[in-house]
Amino acid sequence: MLSTKESFQAKLMNTPMLTILGLGPGSIYDLTVQAHTLLTQAAEQQQIVYFRTTLHPAAAALKQELPELQIRSFDHLYDESDAWDTLYERIASEVCQLAAQQPIIYAVPGHPLIGESSVQLLVQQARERGITTRIVAGLSLLEPVCELLSLDPYDRGLQILEATRLAALESNEIAGALIPTAPLLIPQIYNRRLASDIKLVLGELYPDEWPVRLVRLAGLSANEEPVLEIPLYELDRTNVTNHLCTLYVPPVDELTSLRLPETLRYITMRLRRDPDGCPWDREQTHQSLTRYVIEETYEVVEALEENDMEKLAEELGDLLLQVYLHAEIARQEGDFSLGDVYEQINAKMIRRHPHVFGTAEAETAGQVALNWEEIKKEEKRQAGIQPEETGLLDGVPQGMPATMIAQKYQKRAMRAGFRYDQVDEIITKLGTELEEFRQANTAEERLDELGDILFVVVLLASWFKLDAEEALRHANRKFKQRFQSMERLAREEGRDFSSYTSAEWLERWQRAKTDETHKSDLV
């Protein structure tokens, strides 16, 4: 019968095709007994051990202790790779190819399953190729880093995100991947190029001056401290990064990270909080804020029409604040929360885009519109509303501008077949309404006939598939520009604006139109 030691050694001899071994955080003394035994055995058998990187203190120490140990590394790939997200895929692919030919050992810093992207990819590829894998645990980088920082990883929800994964994030993914109000560890910042990419990503959420700590577990001289505190913007200006460098980013408070939706939620909650909030905000209701929703919406429209992107960003923020305020009021009154708002719109977008998030097909915008209407009908049925029992003109929001309501009514009626056959018939109808307005005798009659005139004018826009509201806004802008040009002319002439005769007004109006045309030709 084998002794315990002999049984253990016999088990080691039965090496799987691929052994993934953890080297620990740095010192050779941090190697587990199992890892050290396997490496010793590999040296005796002159078996090549593949290191993800030899820029690890244990690699040099093992070479000194075990001169026969044959080491190959993938360090050259770090300089050759242009993209962080493909670097570890290449390493995993090469290791898998080697393991498919003969049993090999692949050694990585720390613990193989903690912060090792190459191992995650490698295990997946090995499984797909039918290669047996074995994990030999190691002490992770987390323990010594937390010791140096006096950091409890269970406190405040410590985040850990490997450096190359963080650097590979698209700009629209950053806010969803990080929580700046929780502490963050970023291990394996192995060169300045990666440090630069990390700095740019963090700069989306953290202030440039935010103090961060670079924890170095290797490559230090006797008089250097293992923890270097620097402002975030200097991260790629240090020359101390290596594979055992970990960045610690302390949490920010709720009012520091100004680029996060969570900050606006917190601000809105504080404004409404009693007794230390804002007296004005605490008094607001859904009804009292209605006018501000409308005002902010029109200011967004104005920024769009002016093509002013800086102004648009500001006005969208003002409109977003109204959403958050209404959600906070509803939360306080027990009606719904901001999470319900997100859930409603997310579910609706997924449900109404089955050609994107499901199996339906829609190759044109027209097909999308047809699908959209059918889905809306089904939503009504599920809500207990039978579409056949509702009118074609139902469901048009009455808070919209009258021209928009009229155009929606007309488009729905036209789709149902209630329409003129020729545009000349609409123009004739407009003439009829103008004559009826001319013959009206009372204010009530004039109001009624004027409404008919406007409705027919909007119908003319609908016929030509024009936006009546946009056309009127365009006319308003032209009038404002021309009137302001006349005001400038009056100042240049030293005339009182109200002293012009009708003929002078007309002459200057024509000059303003001419100047406007000339400027348009120059653009």
Foldseek 3Di string as FASTA:
>chain_A
DDDPVRVLVVVLVPAFLEEEEECELADNVQGDPNRVVNQLVCLVVLNEAEEQDCQGNNNVVCCVVRVSHHYHYPVVLVVVDPALVCSLVVVLVVSLVSSVVGRYYYYYYAFLVPLPPSSVNNVVVCVVVVGDYHGHTTHGLVVVVCVLVVHDCVPQPEAEDELRVLLNDDQVCLQVRDDQQGKYKYAFCAALVSLVSNLVSVVLFAPQQQKKWKAAPDDDDPPDDRIDIGGSVCRSVDGRHRRSIMMIGHHDDLCGGPNHPSSLLVLLLQQCDPPRHPPVLVPDDPVNCPVVLVVLVVQLVVCVVVVPVVSNVVSVVSNVSSVSSHQSNCVVVVNHHVVVVVVVVVVLVLQLPCCVNNDDNDDDPVSSVVSNVVSVQVVCVVVVHHPVVDDLLPPDDPVDPPLVSLLSVLVSCVVVPPDDPDLVVLVVVLVVLVVQLVPDDDPVSNVVSVVVNSSSVSVSCSVVVHRPVVVVVVVVVLVVQLVVQLVVVCVVVVHDSVPDDPVRVVVSSVVSVVVVVVVVVVD
